[in-house]
Amino acid sequence: MTPRQVFILSKLCEGLSLREIAIASEFSYETARTHLQAIFAKTKTGRQSELVALAHKVTLAK
């Protein structure tokens, strides 16, 4: 994943919405959405809740 994708994923895990992440990071919602779609493709997930659950599972496994 790119650094920005990792950032978005970490903020989603903290409970922020994609719109909140975009506003706080000063990039557009559409840009954040594009990154999220790329994360979904790389992780073979399709929902934010599924993605966050996977991230927590991987974090706990370390």
PDB file of N, CA and C in Angstrom:
ATOM      1  N   MET A   1       0.830  -1.185   0.000  1.00  0.00           N
ATOM      2  CA  MET A   1       0.000   0.000   0.000  1.00  0.00           C
ATOM      3  C   MET A   1       0.875   1.249   0.000  1.00  0.00           C
ATOM      4  N   THR A   2       0.325   2.286  -0.575  1.00  0.00           N
ATOM      5  CA  THR A   2       1.044   3.560  -0.580  1.00  0.00           C
ATOM      6  C   THR A   2       0.950   4.200   0.808  1.00  0.00           C
ATOM      7  N   PRO A   3       1.822   5.142   1.112  1.00  0.00           N
ATOM      8  CA  PRO A   3       1.736   5.814   2.420  1.00  0.00           C
ATOM      9  C   PRO A   3       0.373   6.465   2.667  1.00  0.00           C
ATOM     10  N   ARG A   4      -0.209   7.061   1.645  1.00  0.00           N
ATOM     11  CA  ARG A   4      -1.511   7.700   1.827  1.00  0.00           C
ATOM     12  C   ARG A   4      -2.597   6.659   2.096  1.00  0.00           C
ATOM     13  N   GLN A   5      -2.509   5.514   1.440  1.00  0.00           N
ATOM     14  CA  GLN A   5      -3.482   4.445   1.683  1.00  0.00           C
ATOM     15  C   GLN A   5      -3.355   3.907   3.102  1.00  0.00           C
ATOM     16  N   VAL A   6      -2.135   3.757   3.575  1.00  0.00           N
ATOM     17  CA  VAL A   6      -1.916   3.310   4.954  1.00  0.00           C
ATOM     18  C   VAL A   6      -2.488   4.343   5.927  1.00  0.00           C
ATOM     19  N   PHE A   7      -2.284   5.614   5.630  1.00  0.00           N
ATOM     20  CA  PHE A   7      -2.816   6.689   6.464  1.00  0.00           C
ATOM     21  C   PHE A   7      -4.338   6.614   6.524  1.00  0.00           C
ATOM     22  N   ILE A   8      -4.971   6.472   5.372  1.00  0.00           N
ATOM     23  CA  ILE A   8      -6.435   6.397   5.322  1.00  0.00           C
ATOM     24  C   ILE A   8      -6.925   5.190   6.111  1.00  0.00           C
ATOM     25  N   LEU A   9      -6.288   4.055   5.931  1.00  0.00           N
ATOM     26  CA  LEU A   9      -6.692   2.852   6.654  1.00  0.00           C
ATOM     27  C   LEU A   9      -6.535   3.045   8.158  1.00  0.00           C
ATOM     28  N   SER A  10      -5.447   3.648   8.580  1.00  0.00           N
ATOM     29  CA  SER A  10      -5.239   3.848  10.022  1.00  0.00           C
ATOM     30  C   SER A  10      -6.303   4.774  10.600  1.00  0.00           C
ATOM     31  N   LYS A  11      -6.677   5.798   9.859  1.00  0.00           N
ATOM     32  CA  LYS A  11      -7.708   6.724  10.336  1.00  0.00           C
ATOM     33  C   LYS A  11      -9.084   6.053  10.353  1.00  0.00           C
ATOM     34  N   LEU A  12      -9.358   5.184   9.390  1.00  0.00           N
ATOM     35  CA  LEU A  12     -10.609   4.423   9.419  1.00  0.00           C
ATOM     36  C   LEU A  12     -10.658   3.536  10.660  1.00  0.00           C
ATOM     37  N   CYS A  13      -9.526   2.945  11.004  1.00  0.00           N
ATOM     38  CA  CYS A  13      -9.434   2.096  12.193  1.00  0.00           C
ATOM     39  C   CYS A  13      -9.633   2.900  13.473  1.00  0.00           C
ATOM     40  N   GLU A  14      -9.326   4.180  13.433  1.00  0.00           N
ATOM     41  CA  GLU A  14      -9.545   5.057  14.582  1.00  0.00           C
ATOM     42  C   GLU A  14     -11.002   5.496  14.693  1.00  0.00           C
ATOM     43  N   GLY A  15     -11.805   5.161  13.676  1.00  0.00           N
ATOM     44  CA  GLY A  15     -13.222   5.483  13.726  1.00  0.00           C
ATOM     45  C   GLY A  15     -13.644   6.701  12.929  1.00  0.00           C
ATOM     46  N   LEU A  16     -12.727   7.321  12.200  1.00  0.00           N
ATOM     47  CA  LEU A  16     -13.087   8.476  11.390  1.00  0.00           C
ATOM     48  C   LEU A  16     -13.788   8.034  10.117  1.00  0.00           C
ATOM     49  N   SER A  17     -14.689   8.869   9.649  1.00  0.00           N
ATOM     50  CA  SER A  17     -15.346   8.597   8.378  1.00  0.00           C
ATOM     51  C   SER A  17     -14.425   9.035   7.242  1.00  0.00           C
ATOM     52  N   LEU A  18     -14.691   8.554   6.065  1.00  0.00           N
ATOM     53  CA  LEU A  18     -13.870   8.917   4.916  1.00  0.00           C
ATOM     54  C   LEU A  18     -13.933  10.420   4.662  1.00  0.00           C
ATOM     55  N   ARG A  19     -15.096  11.012   4.840  1.00  0.00           N
ATOM     56  CA  ARG A  19     -15.243  12.460   4.656  1.00  0.00           C
ATOM     57  C   ARG A  19     -14.415  13.216   5.701  1.00  0.00           C
ATOM     58  N   GLU A  20     -14.425  12.760   6.953  1.00  0.00           N
ATOM     59  CA  GLU A  20     -13.632  13.403   7.998  1.00  0.00           C
ATOM     60  C   GLU A  20     -12.139  13.294   7.696  1.00  0.00           C
ATOM     61  N   ILE A  21     -11.724  12.149   7.185  1.00  0.00           N
ATOM     62  CA  ILE A  21     -10.319  11.946   6.832  1.00  0.00           C
ATOM     63  C   ILE A  21      -9.921  12.908   5.715  1.00  0.00           C
ATOM     64  N   ALA A  22     -10.766  13.032   4.722  1.00  0.00           N
ATOM     65  CA  ALA A  22     -10.471  13.921   3.595  1.00  0.00           C
ATOM     66  C   ALA A  22     -10.364  15.374   4.052  1.00  0.00           C
ATOM     67  N   ILE A  23     -11.289  15.808   4.873  1.00  0.00           N
ATOM     68  CA  ILE A  23     -11.281  17.196   5.354  1.00  0.00           C
ATOM     69  C   ILE A  23     -10.034  17.471   6.193  1.00  0.00           C
ATOM     70  N   ALA A  24      -9.735  16.568   7.117  1.00  0.00           N
ATOM     71  CA  ALA A  24      -8.582  16.764   8.003  1.00  0.00           C
ATOM     72  C   ALA A  24      -7.263  16.718   7.236  1.00  0.00           C
ATOM     73  N   SER A  25      -7.226  15.963   6.144  1.00  0.00           N
ATOM     74  CA  SER A  25      -5.991  15.783   5.386  1.00  0.00           C
ATOM     75  C   SER A  25      -5.862  16.741   4.221  1.00  0.00           C
ATOM     76  N   GLU A  26      -6.881  17.550   4.014  1.00  0.00           N
ATOM     77  CA  GLU A  26      -6.891  18.559   2.960  1.00  0.00           C
ATOM     78  C   GLU A  26      -6.761  17.992   1.557  1.00  0.00           C
ATOM     79  N   PHE A  27      -7.409  16.844   1.325  1.00  0.00           N
ATOM     80  CA  PHE A  27      -7.586  16.393  -0.046  1.00  0.00           C
ATOM     81  C   PHE A  27      -9.060  16.087  -0.239  1.00  0.00           C
ATOM     82  N   SER A  28      -9.486  15.991  -1.479  1.00  0.00           N
ATOM     83  CA  SER A  28     -10.911  15.881  -1.759  1.00  0.00           C
ATOM     84  C   SER A  28     -11.467  14.526  -1.333  1.00  0.00           C
ATOM     85  N   TYR A  29     -12.764  14.517  -1.125  1.00  0.00           N
ATOM     86  CA  TYR A  29     -13.454  13.280  -0.774  1.00  0.00           C
ATOM     87  C   TYR A  29     -13.286  12.261  -1.897  1.00  0.00           C
ATOM     88  N   GLU A  30     -13.344  12.716  -3.129  1.00  0.00           N
ATOM     89  CA  GLU A  30     -13.195  11.801  -4.269  1.00  0.00           C
ATOM     90  C   GLU A  30     -11.801  11.169  -4.297  1.00  0.00           C
ATOM     91  N   THR A  31     -10.785  11.926  -3.940  1.00  0.00           N
ATOM     92  CA  THR A  31      -9.434  11.376  -3.869  1.00  0.00           C
ATOM     93  C   THR A  31      -9.357  10.317  -2.778  1.00  0.00           C
ATOM     94  N   ALA A  32      -9.940  10.607  -1.630  1.00  0.00           N
ATOM     95  CA  ALA A  32      -9.964   9.627  -0.537  1.00  0.00           C
ATOM     96  C   ALA A  32     -10.715   8.376  -0.966  1.00  0.00           C
ATOM     97  N   ARG A  33     -11.807   8.567  -1.681  1.00  0.00           N
ATOM     98  CA  ARG A  33     -12.600   7.434  -2.159  1.00  0.00           C
ATOM     99  C   ARG A  33     -11.813   6.583  -3.146  1.00  0.00           C
ATOM    100  N   THR A  34     -11.059   7.220  -4.010  1.00  0.00           N
ATOM    101  CA  THR A  34     -10.221   6.496  -4.970  1.00  0.00           C
ATOM    102  C   THR A  34      -9.178   5.651  -4.234  1.00  0.00           C
ATOM    103  N   HIS A  35      -8.572   6.224  -3.216  1.00  0.00           N
ATOM    104  CA  HIS A  35      -7.602   5.471  -2.416  1.00  0.00           C
ATOM    105  C   HIS A  35      -8.280   4.295  -1.711  1.00  0.00           C
ATOM    106  N   LEU A  36      -9.478   4.527  -1.197  1.00  0.00           N
ATOM    107  CA  LEU A  36     -10.205   3.464  -0.514  1.00  0.00           C
ATOM    108  C   LEU A  36     -10.522   2.321  -1.474  1.00  0.00           C
ATOM    109  N   GLN A  37     -10.915   2.644  -2.684  1.00  0.00           N
ATOM    110  CA  GLN A  37     -11.195   1.604  -3.679  1.00  0.00           C
ATOM    111  C   GLN A  37      -9.937   0.786  -3.970  1.00  0.00           C
ATOM    112  N   ALA A  38      -8.793   1.438  -4.021  1.00  0.00           N
ATOM    113  CA  ALA A  38      -7.524   0.731  -4.251  1.00  0.00           C
ATOM    114  C   ALA A  38      -7.199  -0.180  -3.069  1.00  0.00           C
ATOM    115  N   ILE A  39      -7.480   0.298  -1.853  1.00  0.00           N
ATOM    116  CA  ILE A  39      -7.252  -0.522  -0.662  1.00  0.00           C
ATOM    117  C   ILE A  39      -8.159  -1.748  -0.706  1.00  0.00           C
ATOM    118  N   PHE A  40      -9.422  -1.553  -1.060  1.00  0.00           N
ATOM    119  CA  PHE A  40     -10.351  -2.680  -1.184  1.00  0.00           C
ATOM    120  C   PHE A  40      -9.804  -3.719  -2.165  1.00  0.00           C
ATOM    121  N   ALA A  41      -9.321  -3.266  -3.301  1.00  0.00           N
ATOM    122  CA  ALA A  41      -8.794  -4.187  -4.313  1.00  0.00           C
ATOM    123  C   ALA A  41      -7.576  -4.952  -3.800  1.00  0.00           C
ATOM    124  N   LYS A  42      -6.691  -4.257  -3.108  1.00  0.00           N
ATOM    125  CA  LYS A  42      -5.465  -4.888  -2.613  1.00  0.00           C
ATOM    126  C   LYS A  42      -5.730  -5.878  -1.488  1.00  0.00           C
ATOM    127  N   THR A  43      -6.783  -5.629  -0.701  1.00  0.00           N
ATOM    128  CA  THR A  43      -7.084  -6.490   0.446  1.00  0.00           C
ATOM    129  C   THR A  43      -8.213  -7.475   0.163  1.00  0.00           C
ATOM    130  N   LYS A  44      -8.772  -7.378  -1.037  1.00  0.00           N
ATOM    131  CA  LYS A  44      -9.897  -8.239  -1.436  1.00  0.00           C
ATOM    132  C   LYS A  44     -11.074  -8.099  -0.460  1.00  0.00           C
ATOM    133  N   THR A  45     -11.329  -6.866  -0.054  1.00  0.00           N
ATOM    134  CA  THR A  45     -12.483  -6.550   0.785  1.00  0.00           C
ATOM    135  C   THR A  45     -13.416  -5.651  -0.015  1.00  0.00           C
ATOM    136  N   GLY A  46     -14.630  -5.459   0.491  1.00  0.00           N
ATOM    137  CA  GLY A  46     -15.582  -4.644  -0.243  1.00  0.00           C
ATOM    138  C   GLY A  46     -16.329  -3.644   0.602  1.00  0.00           C
ATOM    139  N   ARG A  47     -16.125  -3.701   1.907  1.00  0.00           N
ATOM    140  CA  ARG A  47     -16.796  -2.780   2.818  1.00  0.00           C
ATOM    141  C   ARG A  47     -15.794  -2.250   3.826  1.00  0.00           C
ATOM    142  N   GLN A  48     -16.066  -1.035   4.291  1.00  0.00           N
ATOM    143  CA  GLN A  48     -15.160  -0.436   5.268  1.00  0.00           C
ATOM    144  C   GLN A  48     -15.104  -1.267   6.542  1.00  0.00           C
ATOM    145  N   SER A  49     -16.235  -1.788   6.983  1.00  0.00           N
ATOM    146  CA  SER A  49     -16.243  -2.583   8.212  1.00  0.00           C
ATOM    147  C   SER A  49     -15.407  -3.850   8.055  1.00  0.00           C
ATOM    148  N   GLU A  50     -15.494  -4.465   6.896  1.00  0.00           N
ATOM    149  CA  GLU A  50     -14.698  -5.659   6.615  1.00  0.00           C
ATOM    150  C   GLU A  50     -13.206  -5.312   6.583  1.00  0.00           C
ATOM    151  N   LEU A  51     -12.890  -4.190   5.989  1.00  0.00           N
ATOM    152  CA  LEU A  51     -11.498  -3.735   5.905  1.00  0.00           C
ATOM    153  C   LEU A  51     -10.925  -3.450   7.287  1.00  0.00           C
ATOM    154  N   VAL A  52     -11.683  -2.748   8.121  1.00  0.00           N
ATOM    155  CA  VAL A  52     -11.220  -2.420   9.467  1.00  0.00           C
ATOM    156  C   VAL A  52     -11.046  -3.699  10.290  1.00  0.00           C
ATOM    157  N   ALA A  53     -11.964  -4.639  10.164  1.00  0.00           N
ATOM    158  CA  ALA A  53     -11.847  -5.914  10.883  1.00  0.00           C
ATOM    159  C   ALA A  53     -10.582  -6.652  10.456  1.00  0.00           C
ATOM    160  N   LEU A  54     -10.289  -6.658   9.176  1.00  0.00           N
ATOM    161  CA  LEU A  54      -9.079  -7.295   8.676  1.00  0.00           C
ATOM    162  C   LEU A  54      -7.834  -6.609   9.235  1.00  0.00           C
ATOM    163  N   ALA A  55      -7.843  -5.288   9.242  1.00  0.00           N
ATOM    164  CA  ALA A  55      -6.690  -4.537   9.751  1.00  0.00           C
ATOM    165  C   ALA A  55      -6.457  -4.845  11.226  1.00  0.00           C
ATOM    166  N   HIS A  56      -7.531  -4.915  11.999  1.00  0.00           N
ATOM    167  CA  HIS A  56      -7.390  -5.243  13.415  1.00  0.00           C
ATOM    168  C   HIS A  56      -6.877  -6.664  13.599  1.00  0.00           C
ATOM    169  N   LYS A  57      -7.354  -7.569  12.782  1.00  0.00           N
ATOM    170  CA  LYS A  57      -6.910  -8.974  12.851  1.00  0.00           C
ATOM    171  C   LYS A  57      -5.409  -9.072  12.547  1.00  0.00           C
ATOM    172  N   VAL A  58      -4.963  -8.369  11.530  1.00  0.00           N
ATOM    173  CA  VAL A  58      -3.544  -8.388  11.160  1.00  0.00           C
ATOM    174  C   VAL A  58      -2.711  -7.743  12.268  1.00  0.00           C
ATOM    175  N   THR A  59      -3.194  -6.657  12.832  1.00  0.00           N
ATOM    176  CA  THR A  59      -2.474  -5.959  13.906  1.00  0.00           C
ATOM    177  C   THR A  59      -2.339  -6.858  15.130  1.00  0.00           C
ATOM    178  N   LEU A  60      -3.399  -7.556  15.480  1.00  0.00           N
ATOM    179  CA  LEU A  60      -3.361  -8.447  16.648  1.00  0.00           C
ATOM    180  C   LEU A  60      -2.453  -9.641  16.418  1.00  0.00           C
ATOM    181  N   ALA A  61      -2.292 -10.053  15.168  1.00  0.00           N
ATOM    182  CA  ALA A  61      -1.463 -11.209  14.849  1.00  0.00           C
ATOM    183  C   ALA A  61       0.027 -10.900  14.996  1.00  0.00           C
ATOM    184  N   LYS A  62       0.383  -9.628  14.996  1.00  0.00           N
ATOM    185  CA  LYS A  62       1.806  -9.249  15.080  1.00  0.00           C
ATOM    186  C   LYS A  62       2.359  -9.439  16.462  1.00  0.00           C
TER     187      LYS A  62
END
